[in-house]
Amino acid sequence: MVKRALQVDANDNVAVVAQDVEPGDVIQAGDSTLTAKEPIRIGHKIALCDIPSGEMVIKYGVPIGKASCNIAEGSHVHTQNVQDITEELCQKYAAEYRMEQR
């Protein structure tokens, strides 16, 4: 049985699994078909492709974090392998706002 994951934007490199998955389960997400490498609970993210360490994790078409290690396609994407970039994004958006106000 093929399980589903939700990929919102064509540029996303992660999708949200719509049901619990186990290693070896085949996952369909948008135009991608991949195999889960580990258990992933419903509502959590799965990597749609290999994401090298330091690269942005993209969900909903926007960066939500930075890979803290290499993440293999089909792997669980969560706090164990994603660095929080909230502060970095806040600084970027603040700088952009200040430039607009000039």
N, C-alpha and C. Protein backbone atom coordinates (compact mmCIF):
# COMPACT_ATOMS: atom_id res chain seq x y z
N MET A 1 0.84 -1.18 0.00
CA MET A 1 0.00 0.00 0.00
C MET A 1 0.89 1.25 0.00
N VAL A 2 0.61 2.16 -0.90
CA VAL A 2 1.33 3.42 -0.97
C VAL A 2 0.73 4.37 0.06
N LYS A 3 1.58 5.00 0.84
CA LYS A 3 1.13 5.99 1.82
C LYS A 3 1.37 7.38 1.26
N ARG A 4 0.71 8.35 1.82
CA ARG A 4 0.74 9.72 1.29
C ARG A 4 1.46 10.68 2.22
N ALA A 5 2.06 11.69 1.59
CA ALA A 5 2.64 12.81 2.31
C ALA A 5 2.26 14.07 1.55
N LEU A 6 2.12 15.17 2.27
CA LEU A 6 1.67 16.41 1.66
C LEU A 6 2.85 17.34 1.37
N GLN A 7 3.03 17.62 0.10
CA GLN A 7 4.03 18.59 -0.36
C GLN A 7 3.25 19.80 -0.84
N VAL A 8 3.39 20.93 -0.17
CA VAL A 8 2.58 22.11 -0.46
C VAL A 8 3.10 22.90 -1.65
N ASP A 9 4.41 23.05 -1.74
CA ASP A 9 5.03 23.87 -2.78
C ASP A 9 6.00 23.02 -3.59
N ALA A 10 6.09 23.28 -4.87
CA ALA A 10 6.98 22.50 -5.74
C ALA A 10 8.44 22.61 -5.30
N ASN A 11 8.82 23.69 -4.60
CA ASN A 11 10.20 23.87 -4.15
C ASN A 11 10.49 23.20 -2.81
N ASP A 12 9.48 22.65 -2.15
CA ASP A 12 9.69 22.00 -0.86
C ASP A 12 10.63 20.80 -1.00
N ASN A 13 11.54 20.66 -0.03
CA ASN A 13 12.38 19.46 -0.01
C ASN A 13 11.97 18.52 1.12
N VAL A 14 10.86 18.85 1.78
CA VAL A 14 10.23 17.98 2.78
C VAL A 14 8.73 17.95 2.52
N ALA A 15 8.09 16.90 3.03
CA ALA A 15 6.64 16.79 2.98
C ALA A 15 6.18 16.27 4.34
N VAL A 16 4.90 16.46 4.64
CA VAL A 16 4.33 16.01 5.91
C VAL A 16 3.58 14.71 5.67
N VAL A 17 3.95 13.66 6.43
CA VAL A 17 3.30 12.37 6.24
C VAL A 17 1.86 12.43 6.77
N ALA A 18 0.95 11.84 6.01
CA ALA A 18 -0.47 11.88 6.35
C ALA A 18 -0.90 10.70 7.22
N GLN A 19 0.00 9.77 7.44
CA GLN A 19 -0.24 8.67 8.38
C GLN A 19 1.12 8.15 8.85
N ASP A 20 1.11 7.40 9.94
CA ASP A 20 2.37 6.84 10.42
C ASP A 20 3.00 5.99 9.33
N VAL A 21 4.32 6.07 9.20
CA VAL A 21 5.03 5.24 8.22
C VAL A 21 6.12 4.45 8.93
N GLU A 22 6.47 3.35 8.33
CA GLU A 22 7.51 2.46 8.84
C GLU A 22 8.61 2.34 7.78
N PRO A 23 9.81 1.94 8.19
CA PRO A 23 10.89 1.77 7.21
C PRO A 23 10.44 0.82 6.08
N GLY A 24 10.72 1.23 4.86
CA GLY A 24 10.35 0.41 3.71
C GLY A 24 9.01 0.79 3.09
N ASP A 25 8.18 1.57 3.81
CA ASP A 25 6.92 2.01 3.23
C ASP A 25 7.19 2.92 2.03
N VAL A 26 6.38 2.76 0.99
CA VAL A 26 6.47 3.62 -0.19
C VAL A 26 5.57 4.83 0.06
N ILE A 27 6.14 6.01 -0.18
CA ILE A 27 5.46 7.27 0.09
C ILE A 27 5.28 8.03 -1.22
N GLN A 28 4.07 8.54 -1.44
CA GLN A 28 3.78 9.40 -2.58
C GLN A 28 3.58 10.81 -2.05
N ALA A 29 4.36 11.77 -2.57
CA ALA A 29 4.25 13.18 -2.18
C ALA A 29 4.36 14.02 -3.43
N GLY A 30 3.27 14.59 -3.87
CA GLY A 30 3.28 15.34 -5.12
C GLY A 30 3.72 14.43 -6.26
N ASP A 31 4.74 14.84 -7.00
CA ASP A 31 5.26 14.03 -8.10
C ASP A 31 6.35 13.06 -7.65
N SER A 32 6.67 13.07 -6.37
CA SER A 32 7.76 12.23 -5.85
C SER A 32 7.23 10.93 -5.26
N THR A 33 7.97 9.87 -5.52
CA THR A 33 7.73 8.59 -4.86
C THR A 33 9.04 8.19 -4.22
N LEU A 34 9.00 7.87 -2.93
CA LEU A 34 10.21 7.52 -2.21
C LEU A 34 9.91 6.46 -1.18
N THR A 35 10.95 5.95 -0.58
CA THR A 35 10.84 4.90 0.43
C THR A 35 11.29 5.44 1.78
N ALA A 36 10.46 5.23 2.80
CA ALA A 36 10.81 5.69 4.15
C ALA A 36 11.99 4.88 4.67
N LYS A 37 12.95 5.58 5.27
CA LYS A 37 14.14 4.92 5.82
C LYS A 37 13.99 4.60 7.30
N GLU A 38 13.01 5.23 7.97
CA GLU A 38 12.83 5.06 9.40
C GLU A 38 11.38 5.34 9.76
N PRO A 39 10.97 5.00 10.97
CA PRO A 39 9.59 5.32 11.37
C PRO A 39 9.38 6.83 11.42
N ILE A 40 8.22 7.27 10.95
CA ILE A 40 7.87 8.70 11.00
C ILE A 40 6.41 8.78 11.40
N ARG A 41 6.15 9.53 12.45
CA ARG A 41 4.79 9.67 12.97
C ARG A 41 3.98 10.65 12.11
N ILE A 42 2.69 10.42 12.07
CA ILE A 42 1.78 11.30 11.34
C ILE A 42 2.03 12.76 11.73
N GLY A 43 2.05 13.63 10.73
CA GLY A 43 2.26 15.05 10.98
C GLY A 43 3.71 15.48 11.00
N HIS A 44 4.63 14.51 10.92
CA HIS A 44 6.05 14.85 10.90
C HIS A 44 6.55 14.88 9.45
N LYS A 45 7.74 15.43 9.27
CA LYS A 45 8.28 15.64 7.93
C LYS A 45 9.18 14.49 7.47
N ILE A 46 9.13 14.26 6.16
CA ILE A 46 9.99 13.30 5.49
C ILE A 46 10.78 14.05 4.43
N ALA A 47 12.07 13.71 4.29
CA ALA A 47 12.91 14.35 3.27
C ALA A 47 12.55 13.80 1.89
N LEU A 48 12.27 14.70 0.96
CA LEU A 48 11.91 14.30 -0.41
C LEU A 48 13.14 14.05 -1.28
N CYS A 49 14.29 14.48 -0.80
CA CYS A 49 15.56 14.32 -1.51
C CYS A 49 16.66 14.37 -0.47
N ASP A 50 17.87 14.09 -0.86
CA ASP A 50 19.00 14.27 0.05
C ASP A 50 19.14 15.77 0.34
N ILE A 51 19.32 16.11 1.61
CA ILE A 51 19.51 17.51 2.01
C ILE A 51 20.88 17.58 2.69
N PRO A 52 21.86 18.18 2.02
CA PRO A 52 23.21 18.25 2.61
C PRO A 52 23.24 19.13 3.86
N SER A 53 24.15 18.81 4.74
CA SER A 53 24.37 19.60 5.95
C SER A 53 24.58 21.07 5.57
N GLY A 54 23.90 21.96 6.28
CA GLY A 54 24.02 23.39 6.02
C GLY A 54 23.00 23.93 5.04
N GLU A 55 22.33 23.06 4.29
CA GLU A 55 21.32 23.51 3.34
C GLU A 55 20.00 23.81 4.05
N MET A 56 19.22 24.70 3.48
CA MET A 56 17.93 25.05 4.05
C MET A 56 16.92 23.91 3.87
N VAL A 57 16.11 23.73 4.89
CA VAL A 57 14.96 22.82 4.83
C VAL A 57 13.79 23.70 4.41
N ILE A 58 13.13 23.33 3.31
CA ILE A 58 12.07 24.14 2.73
C ILE A 58 10.74 23.43 2.89
N LYS A 59 9.78 24.13 3.53
CA LYS A 59 8.42 23.63 3.72
C LYS A 59 7.48 24.80 3.45
N TYR A 60 6.39 24.55 2.74
CA TYR A 60 5.45 25.61 2.35
C TYR A 60 6.13 26.65 1.47
N GLY A 61 7.21 26.28 0.80
CA GLY A 61 7.92 27.19 -0.09
C GLY A 61 8.85 28.16 0.60
N VAL A 62 9.04 28.03 1.92
CA VAL A 62 9.92 28.94 2.66
C VAL A 62 10.88 28.14 3.54
N PRO A 63 12.05 28.71 3.85
CA PRO A 63 12.99 28.03 4.74
C PRO A 63 12.40 27.95 6.16
N ILE A 64 12.51 26.76 6.76
CA ILE A 64 12.03 26.58 8.14
C ILE A 64 13.16 26.17 9.07
N GLY A 65 14.32 25.91 8.51
CA GLY A 65 15.47 25.49 9.29
C GLY A 65 16.63 25.18 8.38
N LYS A 66 17.72 24.78 8.99
CA LYS A 66 18.94 24.44 8.25
C LYS A 66 19.34 23.03 8.67
N ALA A 67 19.67 22.19 7.70
CA ALA A 67 20.10 20.83 8.01
C ALA A 67 21.36 20.87 8.88
N SER A 68 21.30 20.26 10.05
CA SER A 68 22.45 20.24 10.95
C SER A 68 23.39 19.08 10.66
N CYS A 69 22.97 18.20 9.75
CA CYS A 69 23.79 17.08 9.28
C CYS A 69 23.21 16.68 7.92
N ASN A 70 23.87 15.77 7.23
CA ASN A 70 23.31 15.28 5.97
C ASN A 70 22.03 14.51 6.28
N ILE A 71 20.96 14.82 5.54
CA ILE A 71 19.68 14.15 5.71
C ILE A 71 19.39 13.38 4.43
N ALA A 72 19.24 12.08 4.55
CA ALA A 72 19.00 11.24 3.37
C ALA A 72 17.53 11.26 2.97
N GLU A 73 17.28 11.17 1.67
CA GLU A 73 15.92 11.05 1.16
C GLU A 73 15.19 9.93 1.92
N GLY A 74 13.96 10.20 2.33
CA GLY A 74 13.17 9.20 3.04
C GLY A 74 13.35 9.21 4.54
N SER A 75 14.21 10.11 5.05
CA SER A 75 14.48 10.17 6.48
C SER A 75 13.51 11.12 7.19
N HIS A 76 13.37 10.90 8.49
CA HIS A 76 12.58 11.77 9.35
C HIS A 76 13.32 13.10 9.50
N VAL A 77 12.61 14.19 9.29
CA VAL A 77 13.19 15.52 9.40
C VAL A 77 12.55 16.19 10.61
N HIS A 78 13.36 16.44 11.63
CA HIS A 78 12.83 16.99 12.88
C HIS A 78 13.98 17.65 13.64
N THR A 79 13.81 17.91 14.89
CA THR A 79 14.81 18.64 15.68
C THR A 79 16.15 17.94 15.78
N GLN A 80 16.19 16.63 15.57
CA GLN A 80 17.46 15.92 15.67
C GLN A 80 18.40 16.21 14.49
N ASN A 81 17.85 16.76 13.39
CA ASN A 81 18.70 17.02 12.23
C ASN A 81 18.42 18.38 11.56
N VAL A 82 17.68 19.25 12.25
CA VAL A 82 17.39 20.58 11.72
C VAL A 82 17.74 21.63 12.76
N GLN A 83 18.53 22.60 12.34
CA GLN A 83 18.93 23.72 13.20
C GLN A 83 17.87 24.82 13.10
N ASP A 84 17.47 25.37 14.24
CA ASP A 84 16.51 26.47 14.29
C ASP A 84 17.14 27.72 13.68
N ILE A 85 16.43 28.38 12.78
CA ILE A 85 16.95 29.60 12.14
C ILE A 85 16.06 30.80 12.44
N THR A 86 15.26 30.72 13.49
CA THR A 86 14.35 31.81 13.81
C THR A 86 15.08 33.13 13.96
N GLU A 87 16.16 33.14 14.73
CA GLU A 87 16.91 34.38 14.95
C GLU A 87 17.46 34.92 13.64
N GLU A 88 18.01 34.04 12.82
CA GLU A 88 18.56 34.45 11.52
C GLU A 88 17.47 35.06 10.64
N LEU A 89 16.30 34.43 10.59
CA LEU A 89 15.21 34.97 9.78
C LEU A 89 14.71 36.30 10.32
N CYS A 90 14.59 36.42 11.64
CA CYS A 90 14.14 37.69 12.24
C CYS A 90 15.09 38.82 11.88
N GLN A 91 16.39 38.57 11.95
CA GLN A 91 17.37 39.60 11.60
C GLN A 91 17.25 39.98 10.12
N LYS A 92 17.07 38.98 9.28
CA LYS A 92 16.94 39.23 7.83
C LYS A 92 15.71 40.07 7.55
N TYR A 93 14.56 39.67 8.12
CA TYR A 93 13.32 40.41 7.87
C TYR A 93 13.38 41.81 8.46
N ALA A 94 14.03 41.98 9.61
CA ALA A 94 14.17 43.31 10.21
C ALA A 94 15.02 44.21 9.32
N ALA A 95 16.11 43.66 8.78
CA ALA A 95 16.98 44.44 7.89
C ALA A 95 16.22 44.84 6.63
N GLU A 96 15.43 43.93 6.07
CA GLU A 96 14.65 44.24 4.89
C GLU A 96 13.62 45.32 5.19
N TYR A 97 12.99 45.25 6.35
CA TYR A 97 12.01 46.24 6.74
C TYR A 97 12.65 47.63 6.89
N ARG A 98 13.83 47.67 7.53
CA ARG A 98 14.52 48.94 7.72
C ARG A 98 14.88 49.56 6.37
N MET A 99 15.29 48.72 5.41
CA MET A 99 15.63 49.23 4.07
C MET A 99 14.38 49.80 3.38
N GLU A 100 13.23 49.19 3.57
CA GLU A 100 11.99 49.67 2.97
C GLU A 100 11.55 50.99 3.55
N GLN A 101 11.92 51.26 4.79
CA GLN A 101 11.49 52.48 5.47
C GLN A 101 12.32 53.70 5.09
N ARG A 102 13.39 53.49 4.40
CA ARG A 102 14.27 54.61 3.99
C ARG A 102 13.68 55.38 2.84
